[in-house]
């Protein structure tokens, strides 16, 4: 898939989502993830929709296989934290969020205990 085709599909999926066509958006993002399971942008969008549909385990599998660009590190942490919490894995969820905070602020500046 070319970069232009990928961008077109990402934009189309976002537009469907913005206009209340959640199922169509989910199918587009799923197709993008099927084409490249490491595409962090498409995985983040699909994982968000899966969490919204109550599918935390599937979202976790996707998130852990993806490569997220640096600018999406916050989204990756939030999505993974939410998925773990929804799956009933609260300790892992808290630990994941702390790891994220440590990478952002450092252990000395961490404001959460």
C-alpha atoms as a PDB file:
ATOM      1  CA  UNK A   1       0.000   0.000   0.000  1.00  0.00           C
ATOM      2  CA  UNK A   2       1.345   3.406  -0.893  1.00  0.00           C
ATOM      3  CA  UNK A   3       1.668   6.196   1.632  1.00  0.00           C
ATOM      4  CA  UNK A   4      -1.028   8.155  -0.175  1.00  0.00           C
ATOM      5  CA  UNK A   5      -3.459   5.219  -0.064  1.00  0.00           C
ATOM      6  CA  UNK A   6      -2.756   4.702   3.633  1.00  0.00           C
ATOM      7  CA  UNK A   7      -3.332   8.380   4.380  1.00  0.00           C
ATOM      8  CA  UNK A   8      -6.540   8.353   2.345  1.00  0.00           C
ATOM      9  CA  UNK A   9      -7.880   5.374   4.293  1.00  0.00           C
ATOM     10  CA  UNK A  10      -6.886   6.870   7.658  1.00  0.00           C
ATOM     11  CA  UNK A  11      -8.656  10.107   6.753  1.00  0.00           C
ATOM     12  CA  UNK A  12     -11.705   8.258   5.445  1.00  0.00           C
ATOM     13  CA  UNK A  13     -11.921   6.173   8.615  1.00  0.00           C
ATOM     14  CA  UNK A  14     -11.679   9.308  10.739  1.00  0.00           C
ATOM     15  CA  UNK A  15     -14.403  11.016   8.707  1.00  0.00           C
ATOM     16  CA  UNK A  16     -16.713   8.022   9.026  1.00  0.00           C
ATOM     17  CA  UNK A  17     -16.118   8.044  12.772  1.00  0.00           C
ATOM     18  CA  UNK A  18     -16.799  11.775  13.060  1.00  0.00           C
ATOM     19  CA  UNK A  19     -20.087  11.323  11.204  1.00  0.00           C
ATOM     20  CA  UNK A  20     -21.374   8.482  13.369  1.00  0.00           C
ATOM     21  CA  UNK A  21     -20.402   5.611  11.062  1.00  0.00           C
ATOM     22  CA  UNK A  22     -18.452   3.678  13.694  1.00  0.00           C
ATOM     23  CA  UNK A  23     -18.768   0.258  12.052  1.00  0.00           C
ATOM     24  CA  UNK A  24     -17.461   1.534   8.718  1.00  0.00           C
ATOM     25  CA  UNK A  25     -14.585   3.315  10.451  1.00  0.00           C
ATOM     26  CA  UNK A  26     -13.725   0.157  12.375  1.00  0.00           C
ATOM     27  CA  UNK A  27     -13.667  -1.889   9.171  1.00  0.00           C
ATOM     28  CA  UNK A  28     -11.330   0.590   7.496  1.00  0.00           C
ATOM     29  CA  UNK A  29      -8.947   0.649  10.458  1.00  0.00           C
ATOM     30  CA  UNK A  30      -9.089  -3.153  10.666  1.00  0.00           C
ATOM     31  CA  UNK A  31      -8.137  -3.380   6.977  1.00  0.00           C
ATOM     32  CA  UNK A  32      -5.206  -1.036   7.577  1.00  0.00           C
ATOM     33  CA  UNK A  33      -4.048  -3.122  10.536  1.00  0.00           C
ATOM     34  CA  UNK A  34      -4.431  -6.290   8.476  1.00  0.00           C
ATOM     35  CA  UNK A  35      -2.195  -4.751   5.821  1.00  0.00           C
ATOM     36  CA  UNK A  36       0.402  -3.719   8.435  1.00  0.00           C
ATOM     37  CA  UNK A  37      -0.079  -4.875  12.030  1.00  0.00           C
ATOM     38  CA  UNK A  38       2.802  -2.657  13.147  1.00  0.00           C
ATOM     39  CA  UNK A  39       1.191   0.608  11.957  1.00  0.00           C
ATOM     40  CA  UNK A  40       0.815   2.428  15.271  1.00  0.00           C
ATOM     41  CA  UNK A  41      -1.576   5.056  13.938  1.00  0.00           C
ATOM     42  CA  UNK A  42      -4.052   2.528  12.537  1.00  0.00           C
ATOM     43  CA  UNK A  43      -3.663   0.283  15.587  1.00  0.00           C
ATOM     44  CA  UNK A  44      -4.391   3.192  17.951  1.00  0.00           C
ATOM     45  CA  UNK A  45      -7.583   4.019  16.058  1.00  0.00           C
ATOM     46  CA  UNK A  46      -8.740   0.402  15.946  1.00  0.00           C
ATOM     47  CA  UNK A  47      -7.814  -0.228  19.587  1.00  0.00           C
ATOM     48  CA  UNK A  48      -9.859   2.794  20.661  1.00  0.00           C
ATOM     49  CA  UNK A  49     -12.884   1.438  18.803  1.00  0.00           C
ATOM     50  CA  UNK A  50     -12.345  -2.039  20.242  1.00  0.00           C
ATOM     51  CA  UNK A  51     -12.208  -0.637  23.772  1.00  0.00           C
ATOM     52  CA  UNK A  52     -15.365   1.305  23.064  1.00  0.00           C
ATOM     53  CA  UNK A  53     -16.986  -2.001  22.040  1.00  0.00           C
ATOM     54  CA  UNK A  54     -15.744  -3.777  25.197  1.00  0.00           C
ATOM     55  CA  UNK A  55     -12.956  -5.819  23.583  1.00  0.00           C
ATOM     56  CA  UNK A  56      -9.942  -5.161  25.846  1.00  0.00           C
ATOM     57  CA  UNK A  57      -8.082  -8.411  25.155  1.00  0.00           C
ATOM     58  CA  UNK A  58      -8.147  -7.907  21.386  1.00  0.00           C
ATOM     59  CA  UNK A  59      -7.041  -4.306  21.816  1.00  0.00           C
ATOM     60  CA  UNK A  60      -4.126  -5.409  24.019  1.00  0.00           C
ATOM     61  CA  UNK A  61      -2.942  -7.899  21.423  1.00  0.00           C
ATOM     62  CA  UNK A  62      -2.963  -5.227  18.743  1.00  0.00           C
ATOM     63  CA  UNK A  63      -1.250  -2.637  20.911  1.00  0.00           C
ATOM     64  CA  UNK A  64       1.573  -4.944  21.893  1.00  0.00           C
ATOM     65  CA  UNK A  65       2.346  -5.898  18.283  1.00  0.00           C
ATOM     66  CA  UNK A  66       2.434  -2.323  16.940  1.00  0.00           C
ATOM     67  CA  UNK A  67       5.246   0.177  16.522  1.00  0.00           C
ATOM     68  CA  UNK A  68       4.139   3.567  17.731  1.00  0.00           C
ATOM     69  CA  UNK A  69       5.850   6.740  16.583  1.00  0.00           C
ATOM     70  CA  UNK A  70       7.229   8.915  19.387  1.00  0.00           C
ATOM     71  CA  UNK A  71       4.413  11.431  18.999  1.00  0.00           C
ATOM     72  CA  UNK A  72       1.890   8.691  19.878  1.00  0.00           C
ATOM     73  CA  UNK A  73       3.622   7.429  23.034  1.00  0.00           C
ATOM     74  CA  UNK A  74       0.955   9.066  25.198  1.00  0.00           C
ATOM     75  CA  UNK A  75      -1.865   7.477  23.184  1.00  0.00           C
ATOM     76  CA  UNK A  76      -0.159   4.090  23.401  1.00  0.00           C
ATOM     77  CA  UNK A  77       0.168   4.380  27.193  1.00  0.00           C
ATOM     78  CA  UNK A  78      -3.419   5.553  27.686  1.00  0.00           C
ATOM     79  CA  UNK A  79      -4.869   2.845  25.438  1.00  0.00           C
ATOM     80  CA  UNK A  80      -2.834   0.066  27.005  1.00  0.00           C
ATOM     81  CA  UNK A  81      -3.645   1.308  30.517  1.00  0.00           C
ATOM     82  CA  UNK A  82      -7.373   1.398  29.687  1.00  0.00           C
ATOM     83  CA  UNK A  83      -7.282  -2.050  28.079  1.00  0.00           C
ATOM     84  CA  UNK A  84      -5.533  -3.588  31.074  1.00  0.00           C
ATOM     85  CA  UNK A  85      -7.988  -1.968  33.492  1.00  0.00           C
ATOM     86  CA  UNK A  86     -10.981  -3.118  31.409  1.00  0.00           C
ATOM     87  CA  UNK A  87      -9.558  -6.653  31.378  1.00  0.00           C
ATOM     88  CA  UNK A  88      -9.468  -6.577  35.187  1.00  0.00           C
ATOM     89  CA  UNK A  89      -5.685  -6.367  35.382  1.00  0.00           C
ATOM     90  CA  UNK A  90      -5.542  -3.297  37.625  1.00  0.00           C
ATOM     91  CA  UNK A  91      -2.012  -3.809  38.968  1.00  0.00           C
ATOM     92  CA  UNK A  92      -0.602  -4.138  35.475  1.00  0.00           C
ATOM     93  CA  UNK A  93      -2.621  -1.102  34.432  1.00  0.00           C
ATOM     94  CA  UNK A  94      -1.191   1.021  37.240  1.00  0.00           C
ATOM     95  CA  UNK A  95       2.332  -0.252  36.569  1.00  0.00           C
ATOM     96  CA  UNK A  96       1.996   0.573  32.864  1.00  0.00           C
ATOM     97  CA  UNK A  97       0.929   4.129  33.642  1.00  0.00           C
ATOM     98  CA  UNK A  98       3.799   4.564  36.103  1.00  0.00           C
ATOM     99  CA  UNK A  99       6.288   3.354  33.473  1.00  0.00           C
ATOM    100  CA  UNK A 100       4.923   5.939  31.088  1.00  0.00           C
ATOM    101  CA  UNK A 101       5.199   8.700  33.683  1.00  0.00           C
ATOM    102  CA  UNK A 102       8.782   7.697  34.451  1.00  0.00           C
ATOM    103  CA  UNK A 103       9.731   8.024  30.794  1.00  0.00           C
ATOM    104  CA  UNK A 104       8.104  11.451  30.604  1.00  0.00           C
ATOM    105  CA  UNK A 105       9.197  13.005  33.881  1.00  0.00           C
ATOM    106  CA  UNK A 106      11.859  10.736  35.314  1.00  0.00           C
ATOM    107  CA  UNK A 107      11.632   8.901  38.601  1.00  0.00           C
ATOM    108  CA  UNK A 108      12.664  11.957  40.636  1.00  0.00           C
ATOM    109  CA  UNK A 109       9.845  14.114  39.200  1.00  0.00           C
ATOM    110  CA  UNK A 110       7.146  11.463  39.282  1.00  0.00           C
ATOM    111  CA  UNK A 111       4.089  12.946  40.980  1.00  0.00           C
ATOM    112  CA  UNK A 112       2.136   9.720  41.371  1.00  0.00           C
ATOM    113  CA  UNK A 113       3.001   7.212  44.102  1.00  0.00           C
END
